[in-house]
Amino acid sequence: MISISRAGLGAGVIALSIGLSLALWLTPASGLADEATLSVYKTPTCGCCTKWIEHLEAAGFRVEAKDLQSLALIKASNGVPRRLASCHTALIGGYVIEGHVPAGDIARLLEERPDVSGLAVPGMPLGSPGMEHPDPRRHETYEVLAFGADGRVSVFARHAPGDQPGGHPAHAH
């Protein structure tokens, strides 16, 4: 017969509870934890990509950055149209994120789950997350474009100078 004191039993229950809590915290609940992790593919020397990652992390996303010498293969294999290309490509929740897309637009994409391949901010517009300029008068209005595997492109959001990055853009439906 095994004998366990009440104090030993209480400590065991607490240890078991802590262990189960950690296991549940580390285990994705219905894909939500995986969905909140962006895999970002960038070149090792890109400073604006690093600033974009900081923007995403500040908004609560987990980011796994992967440095590649060339992004051509990752863009092509994920269906990023050449005309929408930018300096980095990210994957999250079954979607492709190309360029300096604000965190708020990514969150909206994941919430609404539209039938698109992903979002893109072509080029590197001044004022987009990661491309902030010290002189805000130089910031540009830019569009976040939704693109599909069929080649269709539509405006997902518009951001004007003075919008908070990832804040509440003018939605375009």
N, C-alpha and C. Protein backbone atom coordinates (compact mmCIF):
# COMPACT_ATOMS: atom_id res chain seq x y z
N MET A 1 0.84 -1.17 0.00
CA MET A 1 0.00 0.00 0.00
C MET A 1 0.89 1.25 0.00
N ILE A 2 0.50 2.24 -0.82
CA ILE A 2 1.26 3.49 -0.91
C ILE A 2 0.65 4.47 0.07
N SER A 3 1.50 5.12 0.83
CA SER A 3 1.03 6.10 1.81
C SER A 3 1.47 7.48 1.37
N ILE A 4 0.51 8.40 1.23
CA ILE A 4 0.83 9.79 0.84
C ILE A 4 0.21 10.71 1.88
N SER A 5 1.00 11.60 2.42
CA SER A 5 0.46 12.55 3.39
C SER A 5 -0.40 13.58 2.68
N ARG A 6 -1.25 14.25 3.45
CA ARG A 6 -2.10 15.31 2.87
C ARG A 6 -1.24 16.42 2.26
N ALA A 7 -0.15 16.77 2.92
CA ALA A 7 0.74 17.82 2.40
C ALA A 7 1.35 17.39 1.07
N GLY A 8 1.79 16.13 1.01
CA GLY A 8 2.37 15.61 -0.23
C GLY A 8 1.35 15.55 -1.34
N LEU A 9 0.12 15.16 -1.00
CA LEU A 9 -0.95 15.09 -1.99
C LEU A 9 -1.28 16.48 -2.52
N GLY A 10 -1.35 17.47 -1.60
CA GLY A 10 -1.65 18.85 -2.00
C GLY A 10 -0.59 19.40 -2.94
N ALA A 11 0.68 19.15 -2.64
CA ALA A 11 1.77 19.61 -3.50
C ALA A 11 1.72 18.92 -4.85
N GLY A 12 1.36 17.64 -4.87
CA GLY A 12 1.25 16.90 -6.12
C GLY A 12 0.14 17.43 -7.00
N VAL A 13 -0.99 17.76 -6.38
CA VAL A 13 -2.13 18.32 -7.12
C VAL A 13 -1.74 19.67 -7.73
N ILE A 14 -1.03 20.49 -6.94
CA ILE A 14 -0.60 21.80 -7.45
C ILE A 14 0.37 21.62 -8.61
N ALA A 15 1.33 20.72 -8.46
CA ALA A 15 2.30 20.47 -9.53
C ALA A 15 1.60 19.96 -10.78
N LEU A 16 0.63 19.05 -10.60
CA LEU A 16 -0.12 18.52 -11.74
C LEU A 16 -0.91 19.63 -12.42
N SER A 17 -1.54 20.49 -11.62
CA SER A 17 -2.31 21.61 -12.18
C SER A 17 -1.42 22.55 -12.98
N ILE A 18 -0.26 22.87 -12.44
CA ILE A 18 0.67 23.76 -13.15
C ILE A 18 1.13 23.09 -14.44
N GLY A 19 1.45 21.81 -14.38
CA GLY A 19 1.89 21.09 -15.57
C GLY A 19 0.82 21.05 -16.64
N LEU A 20 -0.43 20.79 -16.25
CA LEU A 20 -1.52 20.78 -17.23
C LEU A 20 -1.76 22.16 -17.81
N SER A 21 -1.68 23.19 -16.97
CA SER A 21 -1.87 24.56 -17.45
C SER A 21 -0.82 24.91 -18.49
N LEU A 22 0.45 24.57 -18.20
CA LEU A 22 1.52 24.84 -19.17
C LEU A 22 1.30 24.07 -20.46
N ALA A 23 0.90 22.81 -20.35
CA ALA A 23 0.66 22.01 -21.55
C ALA A 23 -0.46 22.60 -22.39
N LEU A 24 -1.53 23.06 -21.75
CA LEU A 24 -2.62 23.67 -22.50
C LEU A 24 -2.20 24.99 -23.11
N TRP A 25 -1.37 25.76 -22.40
CA TRP A 25 -0.92 27.04 -22.90
C TRP A 25 -0.01 26.86 -24.11
N LEU A 26 0.80 25.82 -24.10
CA LEU A 26 1.74 25.59 -25.19
C LEU A 26 1.12 24.84 -26.36
N THR A 27 -0.04 24.23 -26.16
CA THR A 27 -0.69 23.47 -27.20
C THR A 27 -1.67 24.37 -27.94
N PRO A 28 -1.61 24.42 -29.27
CA PRO A 28 -2.55 25.26 -30.02
C PRO A 28 -3.99 24.80 -29.78
N ALA A 29 -4.85 25.76 -29.45
CA ALA A 29 -6.27 25.46 -29.27
C ALA A 29 -6.97 25.72 -30.59
N SER A 30 -7.43 24.70 -31.23
CA SER A 30 -8.11 24.76 -32.52
C SER A 30 -7.38 25.64 -33.53
N GLY A 31 -6.05 25.56 -33.53
CA GLY A 31 -5.26 26.27 -34.53
C GLY A 31 -5.02 27.73 -34.24
N LEU A 32 -5.61 28.26 -33.18
CA LEU A 32 -5.50 29.69 -32.91
C LEU A 32 -4.06 30.11 -32.67
N ALA A 33 -3.30 29.34 -31.89
CA ALA A 33 -1.91 29.72 -31.62
C ALA A 33 -1.10 29.69 -32.91
N ASP A 34 -1.30 28.67 -33.75
CA ASP A 34 -0.59 28.61 -35.02
C ASP A 34 -1.00 29.78 -35.92
N GLU A 35 -2.29 30.11 -35.88
CA GLU A 35 -2.79 31.17 -36.73
C GLU A 35 -2.19 32.52 -36.35
N ALA A 36 -1.82 32.70 -35.09
CA ALA A 36 -1.27 33.97 -34.64
C ALA A 36 0.25 34.04 -34.85
N THR A 37 0.84 33.01 -35.40
CA THR A 37 2.28 33.02 -35.66
C THR A 37 2.52 33.27 -37.14
N LEU A 38 3.25 34.33 -37.44
CA LEU A 38 3.61 34.62 -38.81
C LEU A 38 5.00 34.07 -39.09
N SER A 39 5.13 33.36 -40.18
CA SER A 39 6.44 32.96 -40.68
C SER A 39 6.83 34.00 -41.71
N VAL A 40 7.84 34.79 -41.39
CA VAL A 40 8.26 35.90 -42.26
C VAL A 40 9.55 35.51 -42.96
N TYR A 41 9.54 35.60 -44.28
CA TYR A 41 10.71 35.32 -45.11
C TYR A 41 11.25 36.65 -45.61
N LYS A 42 12.52 36.90 -45.31
CA LYS A 42 13.14 38.17 -45.66
C LYS A 42 14.62 37.94 -45.96
N THR A 43 15.26 38.96 -46.50
CA THR A 43 16.70 38.86 -46.71
C THR A 43 17.40 39.31 -45.43
N PRO A 44 18.62 38.83 -45.19
CA PRO A 44 19.30 39.13 -43.92
C PRO A 44 19.61 40.60 -43.68
N THR A 45 19.69 41.40 -44.73
CA THR A 45 20.11 42.79 -44.57
C THR A 45 18.97 43.81 -44.61
N CYS A 46 17.73 43.36 -44.67
CA CYS A 46 16.61 44.29 -44.83
C CYS A 46 16.19 44.90 -43.50
N GLY A 47 16.45 46.19 -43.32
CA GLY A 47 16.08 46.89 -42.09
C GLY A 47 14.60 47.16 -41.97
N CYS A 48 13.93 47.47 -43.08
CA CYS A 48 12.50 47.77 -43.00
C CYS A 48 11.70 46.51 -42.65
N CYS A 49 12.19 45.35 -43.07
CA CYS A 49 11.52 44.08 -42.72
C CYS A 49 11.58 43.87 -41.21
N THR A 50 12.71 44.18 -40.61
CA THR A 50 12.87 44.05 -39.16
C THR A 50 11.92 45.00 -38.45
N LYS A 51 11.77 46.22 -38.96
CA LYS A 51 10.84 47.19 -38.35
C LYS A 51 9.39 46.72 -38.50
N TRP A 52 9.05 46.09 -39.63
CA TRP A 52 7.71 45.55 -39.83
C TRP A 52 7.44 44.43 -38.82
N ILE A 53 8.43 43.58 -38.60
CA ILE A 53 8.30 42.50 -37.61
C ILE A 53 8.05 43.09 -36.23
N GLU A 54 8.77 44.14 -35.87
CA GLU A 54 8.56 44.79 -34.57
C GLU A 54 7.12 45.32 -34.46
N HIS A 55 6.59 45.87 -35.54
CA HIS A 55 5.20 46.36 -35.59
C HIS A 55 4.23 45.20 -35.31
N LEU A 56 4.48 44.05 -35.94
CA LEU A 56 3.61 42.89 -35.75
C LEU A 56 3.67 42.38 -34.31
N GLU A 57 4.87 42.30 -33.76
CA GLU A 57 5.03 41.83 -32.39
C GLU A 57 4.36 42.78 -31.40
N ALA A 58 4.46 44.08 -31.65
CA ALA A 58 3.80 45.06 -30.78
C ALA A 58 2.28 44.91 -30.81
N ALA A 59 1.77 44.38 -31.94
CA ALA A 59 0.32 44.16 -32.08
C ALA A 59 -0.11 42.80 -31.53
N GLY A 60 0.85 42.02 -31.01
CA GLY A 60 0.50 40.75 -30.38
C GLY A 60 0.74 39.51 -31.19
N PHE A 61 1.25 39.64 -32.40
CA PHE A 61 1.56 38.46 -33.22
C PHE A 61 2.89 37.86 -32.79
N ARG A 62 2.96 36.54 -32.84
CA ARG A 62 4.25 35.86 -32.71
C ARG A 62 4.84 35.77 -34.11
N VAL A 63 6.13 36.01 -34.22
CA VAL A 63 6.78 36.04 -35.53
C VAL A 63 8.00 35.13 -35.52
N GLU A 64 8.10 34.32 -36.54
CA GLU A 64 9.29 33.52 -36.79
C GLU A 64 9.92 34.05 -38.07
N ALA A 65 11.04 34.76 -37.93
CA ALA A 65 11.71 35.33 -39.09
C ALA A 65 12.70 34.33 -39.66
N LYS A 66 12.68 34.21 -40.98
CA LYS A 66 13.58 33.29 -41.67
C LYS A 66 14.31 34.06 -42.76
N ASP A 67 15.63 34.15 -42.63
CA ASP A 67 16.44 34.87 -43.60
C ASP A 67 16.77 33.97 -44.78
N LEU A 68 16.53 34.48 -45.99
CA LEU A 68 16.87 33.78 -47.23
C LEU A 68 17.66 34.74 -48.11
N GLN A 69 18.55 34.21 -48.91
CA GLN A 69 19.31 35.06 -49.83
C GLN A 69 18.42 35.55 -50.97
N SER A 70 17.44 34.74 -51.37
CA SER A 70 16.51 35.12 -52.44
C SER A 70 15.11 34.72 -52.02
N LEU A 71 14.15 35.59 -52.31
CA LEU A 71 12.75 35.33 -51.96
C LEU A 71 11.93 34.89 -53.16
N ALA A 72 12.54 34.79 -54.32
CA ALA A 72 11.82 34.48 -55.55
C ALA A 72 11.04 33.16 -55.43
N LEU A 73 11.66 32.13 -54.91
CA LEU A 73 11.00 30.83 -54.81
C LEU A 73 9.84 30.86 -53.84
N ILE A 74 10.00 31.50 -52.68
CA ILE A 74 8.92 31.55 -51.68
C ILE A 74 7.73 32.35 -52.23
N LYS A 75 8.01 33.43 -52.98
CA LYS A 75 6.93 34.22 -53.58
C LYS A 75 6.21 33.41 -54.66
N ALA A 76 6.98 32.78 -55.54
CA ALA A 76 6.38 32.01 -56.63
C ALA A 76 5.60 30.81 -56.11
N SER A 77 6.14 30.10 -55.13
CA SER A 77 5.47 28.90 -54.63
C SER A 77 4.21 29.22 -53.83
N ASN A 78 4.05 30.48 -53.42
CA ASN A 78 2.86 30.88 -52.68
C ASN A 78 1.94 31.79 -53.50
N GLY A 79 2.20 31.89 -54.80
CA GLY A 79 1.28 32.59 -55.70
C GLY A 79 1.26 34.10 -55.61
N VAL A 80 2.35 34.70 -55.17
CA VAL A 80 2.40 36.16 -55.11
C VAL A 80 2.60 36.70 -56.52
N PRO A 81 1.63 37.46 -57.05
CA PRO A 81 1.81 38.05 -58.38
C PRO A 81 3.01 39.01 -58.40
N ARG A 82 3.79 38.96 -59.47
CA ARG A 82 4.98 39.81 -59.56
C ARG A 82 4.66 41.28 -59.37
N ARG A 83 3.54 41.72 -59.90
CA ARG A 83 3.21 43.14 -59.81
C ARG A 83 2.85 43.58 -58.37
N LEU A 84 2.65 42.61 -57.47
CA LEU A 84 2.32 42.93 -56.08
C LEU A 84 3.50 42.70 -55.13
N ALA A 85 4.64 42.34 -55.68
CA ALA A 85 5.79 41.96 -54.85
C ALA A 85 6.35 43.13 -54.05
N SER A 86 6.93 42.77 -52.92
CA SER A 86 7.59 43.72 -52.05
C SER A 86 8.85 43.05 -51.50
N CYS A 87 9.34 43.54 -50.36
CA CYS A 87 10.63 43.08 -49.86
C CYS A 87 10.56 41.87 -48.94
N HIS A 88 9.39 41.47 -48.48
CA HIS A 88 9.29 40.28 -47.63
C HIS A 88 7.94 39.61 -47.86
N THR A 89 7.89 38.33 -47.52
CA THR A 89 6.68 37.52 -47.67
C THR A 89 6.44 36.79 -46.37
N ALA A 90 5.20 36.76 -45.92
CA ALA A 90 4.86 36.06 -44.68
C ALA A 90 3.69 35.11 -44.92
N LEU A 91 3.62 34.09 -44.09
CA LEU A 91 2.54 33.10 -44.16
C LEU A 91 1.88 33.01 -42.79
N ILE A 92 0.55 33.00 -42.79
CA ILE A 92 -0.20 32.85 -41.54
C ILE A 92 -1.60 32.34 -41.84
N GLY A 93 -2.02 31.34 -41.10
CA GLY A 93 -3.40 30.86 -41.19
C GLY A 93 -3.88 30.51 -42.57
N GLY A 94 -3.00 30.02 -43.43
CA GLY A 94 -3.39 29.67 -44.79
C GLY A 94 -3.36 30.83 -45.77
N TYR A 95 -2.91 31.99 -45.32
CA TYR A 95 -2.84 33.18 -46.17
C TYR A 95 -1.38 33.60 -46.39
N VAL A 96 -1.17 34.35 -47.48
CA VAL A 96 0.12 34.95 -47.80
C VAL A 96 0.01 36.44 -47.51
N ILE A 97 1.02 36.99 -46.87
CA ILE A 97 1.08 38.43 -46.60
C ILE A 97 2.33 38.94 -47.29
N GLU A 98 2.16 39.83 -48.24
CA GLU A 98 3.28 40.34 -49.04
C GLU A 98 3.49 41.82 -48.73
N GLY A 99 4.67 42.15 -48.23
CA GLY A 99 5.02 43.54 -48.02
C GLY A 99 4.53 44.09 -46.69
N HIS A 100 4.44 45.41 -46.63
CA HIS A 100 4.22 46.15 -45.38
C HIS A 100 2.73 46.27 -45.02
N VAL A 101 2.06 45.14 -44.90
CA VAL A 101 0.64 45.11 -44.54
C VAL A 101 0.52 45.40 -43.04
N PRO A 102 -0.33 46.35 -42.65
CA PRO A 102 -0.51 46.65 -41.22
C PRO A 102 -1.09 45.45 -40.46
N ALA A 103 -0.69 45.34 -39.19
CA ALA A 103 -1.15 44.25 -38.34
C ALA A 103 -2.67 44.22 -38.22
N GLY A 104 -3.30 45.38 -38.17
CA GLY A 104 -4.77 45.44 -38.07
C GLY A 104 -5.45 44.81 -39.28
N ASP A 105 -4.86 44.96 -40.45
CA ASP A 105 -5.44 44.35 -41.65
C ASP A 105 -5.25 42.84 -41.64
N ILE A 106 -4.12 42.37 -41.10
CA ILE A 106 -3.89 40.93 -40.99
C ILE A 106 -4.90 40.34 -40.00
N ALA A 107 -5.12 41.02 -38.88
CA ALA A 107 -6.09 40.54 -37.90
C ALA A 107 -7.49 40.49 -38.52
N ARG A 108 -7.85 41.51 -39.29
CA ARG A 108 -9.16 41.53 -39.96
C ARG A 108 -9.27 40.38 -40.95
N LEU A 109 -8.20 40.11 -41.71
CA LEU A 109 -8.18 39.00 -42.66
C LEU A 109 -8.46 37.69 -41.93
N LEU A 110 -7.78 37.47 -40.81
CA LEU A 110 -7.93 36.23 -40.07
C LEU A 110 -9.31 36.12 -39.42
N GLU A 111 -9.90 37.25 -39.08
CA GLU A 111 -11.24 37.25 -38.48
C GLU A 111 -12.32 36.99 -39.53
N GLU A 112 -12.22 37.69 -40.66
CA GLU A 112 -13.26 37.59 -41.69
C GLU A 112 -13.09 36.37 -42.59
N ARG A 113 -11.86 35.86 -42.75
CA ARG A 113 -11.55 34.69 -43.57
C ARG A 113 -12.13 34.76 -44.98
N PRO A 114 -11.85 35.83 -45.73
CA PRO A 114 -12.36 35.91 -47.11
C PRO A 114 -11.69 34.87 -48.01
N ASP A 115 -12.33 34.58 -49.12
CA ASP A 115 -11.81 33.59 -50.08
C ASP A 115 -10.78 34.27 -50.98
N VAL A 116 -9.60 34.54 -50.43
CA VAL A 116 -8.48 35.13 -51.16
C VAL A 116 -7.23 34.35 -50.80
N SER A 117 -6.19 34.54 -51.60
CA SER A 117 -4.90 33.91 -51.29
C SER A 117 -4.14 34.69 -50.24
N GLY A 118 -4.30 36.02 -50.26
CA GLY A 118 -3.59 36.83 -49.29
C GLY A 118 -3.75 38.31 -49.51
N LEU A 119 -2.91 39.06 -48.80
CA LEU A 119 -2.90 40.52 -48.86
C LEU A 119 -1.52 40.99 -49.29
N ALA A 120 -1.49 42.15 -49.96
CA ALA A 120 -0.22 42.71 -50.39
C ALA A 120 -0.24 44.22 -50.33
N VAL A 121 0.91 44.78 -49.98
CA VAL A 121 1.18 46.20 -50.15
C VAL A 121 2.36 46.24 -51.11
N PRO A 122 2.08 46.46 -52.41
CA PRO A 122 3.17 46.45 -53.40
C PRO A 122 4.18 47.57 -53.13
N GLY A 123 5.41 47.27 -53.47
CA GLY A 123 6.46 48.27 -53.29
C GLY A 123 6.75 48.49 -51.81
N MET A 124 7.14 49.69 -51.49
CA MET A 124 7.51 50.02 -50.12
C MET A 124 7.05 51.45 -49.83
N PRO A 125 5.72 51.68 -49.72
CA PRO A 125 5.23 53.06 -49.56
C PRO A 125 5.64 53.68 -48.22
N LEU A 126 6.11 54.91 -48.28
CA LEU A 126 6.48 55.63 -47.06
C LEU A 126 5.25 55.81 -46.18
N GLY A 127 5.41 55.49 -44.90
CA GLY A 127 4.32 55.61 -43.94
C GLY A 127 3.67 54.29 -43.61
N SER A 128 3.93 53.25 -44.41
CA SER A 128 3.42 51.92 -44.07
C SER A 128 4.27 51.36 -42.93
N PRO A 129 3.75 50.38 -42.16
CA PRO A 129 4.53 49.86 -41.03
C PRO A 129 5.90 49.34 -41.47
N GLY A 130 6.92 49.84 -40.82
CA GLY A 130 8.30 49.50 -41.18
C GLY A 130 8.92 50.50 -42.14
N MET A 131 8.10 51.33 -42.74
CA MET A 131 8.59 52.33 -43.71
C MET A 131 8.27 53.76 -43.24
N GLU A 132 8.17 53.93 -41.94
CA GLU A 132 7.90 55.26 -41.41
C GLU A 132 9.08 56.18 -41.70
N HIS A 133 8.76 57.41 -42.00
CA HIS A 133 9.78 58.42 -42.28
C HIS A 133 9.77 59.43 -41.14
N PRO A 134 10.93 59.97 -40.76
CA PRO A 134 10.96 60.96 -39.67
C PRO A 134 10.08 62.18 -39.95
N ASP A 135 9.88 62.50 -41.22
CA ASP A 135 9.03 63.63 -41.60
C ASP A 135 7.69 63.06 -42.08
N PRO A 136 6.67 63.06 -41.21
CA PRO A 136 5.38 62.46 -41.59
C PRO A 136 4.72 63.11 -42.81
N ARG A 137 5.18 64.30 -43.18
CA ARG A 137 4.62 64.93 -44.39
C ARG A 137 5.00 64.16 -45.64
N ARG A 138 6.00 63.30 -45.54
CA ARG A 138 6.43 62.49 -46.69
C ARG A 138 5.67 61.17 -46.79
N HIS A 139 4.86 60.86 -45.78
CA HIS A 139 4.09 59.61 -45.82
C HIS A 139 3.07 59.65 -46.95
N GLU A 140 2.83 58.49 -47.53
CA GLU A 140 1.95 58.36 -48.69
C GLU A 140 0.66 57.62 -48.32
N THR A 141 -0.39 57.90 -49.07
CA THR A 141 -1.58 57.06 -48.99
C THR A 141 -1.26 55.79 -49.75
N TYR A 142 -1.67 54.66 -49.18
CA TYR A 142 -1.41 53.38 -49.86
C TYR A 142 -2.59 52.45 -49.67
N GLU A 143 -2.66 51.45 -50.52
CA GLU A 143 -3.73 50.46 -50.46
C GLU A 143 -3.17 49.09 -50.09
N VAL A 144 -3.97 48.37 -49.34
CA VAL A 144 -3.71 46.96 -49.06
C VAL A 144 -4.60 46.20 -50.03
N LEU A 145 -3.99 45.37 -50.86
CA LEU A 145 -4.72 44.66 -51.90
C LEU A 145 -4.91 43.19 -51.53
N ALA A 146 -6.11 42.69 -51.77
CA ALA A 146 -6.39 41.26 -51.61
C ALA A 146 -6.18 40.64 -52.99
N PHE A 147 -5.54 39.47 -53.03
CA PHE A 147 -5.34 38.80 -54.31
C PHE A 147 -5.73 37.33 -54.19
N GLY A 148 -6.21 36.81 -55.32
CA GLY A 148 -6.65 35.42 -55.35
C GLY A 148 -5.83 34.59 -56.31
N ALA A 149 -5.98 33.29 -56.19
CA ALA A 149 -5.26 32.36 -57.07
C ALA A 149 -5.68 32.54 -58.52
N ASP A 150 -6.89 33.07 -58.73
CA ASP A 150 -7.41 33.27 -60.08
C ASP A 150 -6.91 34.56 -60.73
N GLY A 151 -6.05 35.31 -60.00
CA GLY A 151 -5.51 36.55 -60.55
C GLY A 151 -6.29 37.80 -60.19
N ARG A 152 -7.45 37.61 -59.57
CA ARG A 152 -8.24 38.79 -59.18
C ARG A 152 -7.53 39.56 -58.07
N VAL A 153 -7.62 40.89 -58.15
CA VAL A 153 -7.05 41.78 -57.15
C VAL A 153 -8.12 42.81 -56.79
N SER A 154 -8.30 43.04 -55.50
CA SER A 154 -9.26 44.05 -55.05
C SER A 154 -8.67 44.81 -53.87
N VAL A 155 -9.22 45.98 -53.61
CA VAL A 155 -8.74 46.79 -52.49
C VAL A 155 -9.36 46.25 -51.20
N PHE A 156 -8.50 45.88 -50.25
CA PHE A 156 -8.94 45.39 -48.95
C PHE A 156 -9.04 46.54 -47.95
N ALA A 157 -8.10 47.50 -48.03
CA ALA A 157 -8.10 48.66 -47.14
C ALA A 157 -7.27 49.77 -47.76
N ARG A 158 -7.57 51.00 -47.35
CA ARG A 158 -6.78 52.17 -47.75
C ARG A 158 -6.26 52.84 -46.48
N HIS A 159 -5.03 53.28 -46.53
CA HIS A 159 -4.44 53.98 -45.39
C HIS A 159 -3.90 55.32 -45.85
N ALA A 160 -4.32 56.37 -45.17
CA ALA A 160 -3.86 57.72 -45.47
C ALA A 160 -2.82 58.15 -44.44
N PRO A 161 -1.98 59.11 -44.79
CA PRO A 161 -1.03 59.62 -43.80
C PRO A 161 -1.79 60.03 -42.53
N GLY A 162 -1.24 59.67 -41.40
CA GLY A 162 -1.89 60.00 -40.13
C GLY A 162 -2.69 58.83 -39.56
N ASP A 163 -3.05 57.83 -40.40
CA ASP A 163 -3.68 56.63 -39.86
C ASP A 163 -2.69 55.95 -38.93
N GLN A 164 -3.18 55.37 -37.89
CA GLN A 164 -2.30 54.57 -37.03
C GLN A 164 -2.00 53.27 -37.75
N PRO A 165 -0.73 52.87 -37.86
CA PRO A 165 -0.43 51.61 -38.53
C PRO A 165 -1.14 50.46 -37.83
N GLY A 166 -1.90 49.72 -38.62
CA GLY A 166 -2.62 48.58 -38.06
C GLY A 166 -3.85 49.00 -37.29
N GLY A 167 -4.16 50.29 -37.32
CA GLY A 167 -5.32 50.78 -36.59
C GLY A 167 -6.60 50.51 -37.35
N HIS A 168 -7.42 51.50 -37.49
CA HIS A 168 -8.71 51.32 -38.15
C HIS A 168 -8.71 52.04 -39.49
N PRO A 169 -8.33 51.33 -40.54
CA PRO A 169 -8.27 51.96 -41.86
C PRO A 169 -9.66 52.13 -42.43
N ALA A 170 -9.71 52.83 -43.54
CA ALA A 170 -10.95 52.90 -44.29
C ALA A 170 -11.10 51.56 -45.00
N HIS A 171 -12.08 50.78 -44.58
CA HIS A 171 -12.28 49.46 -45.21
C HIS A 171 -12.86 49.63 -46.60
N ALA A 172 -12.45 48.80 -47.48
CA ALA A 172 -12.97 48.82 -48.84
C ALA A 172 -13.63 47.48 -49.10
N HIS A 173 -14.90 47.45 -49.14
CA HIS A 173 -15.62 46.19 -49.41
C HIS A 173 -16.30 46.26 -50.75
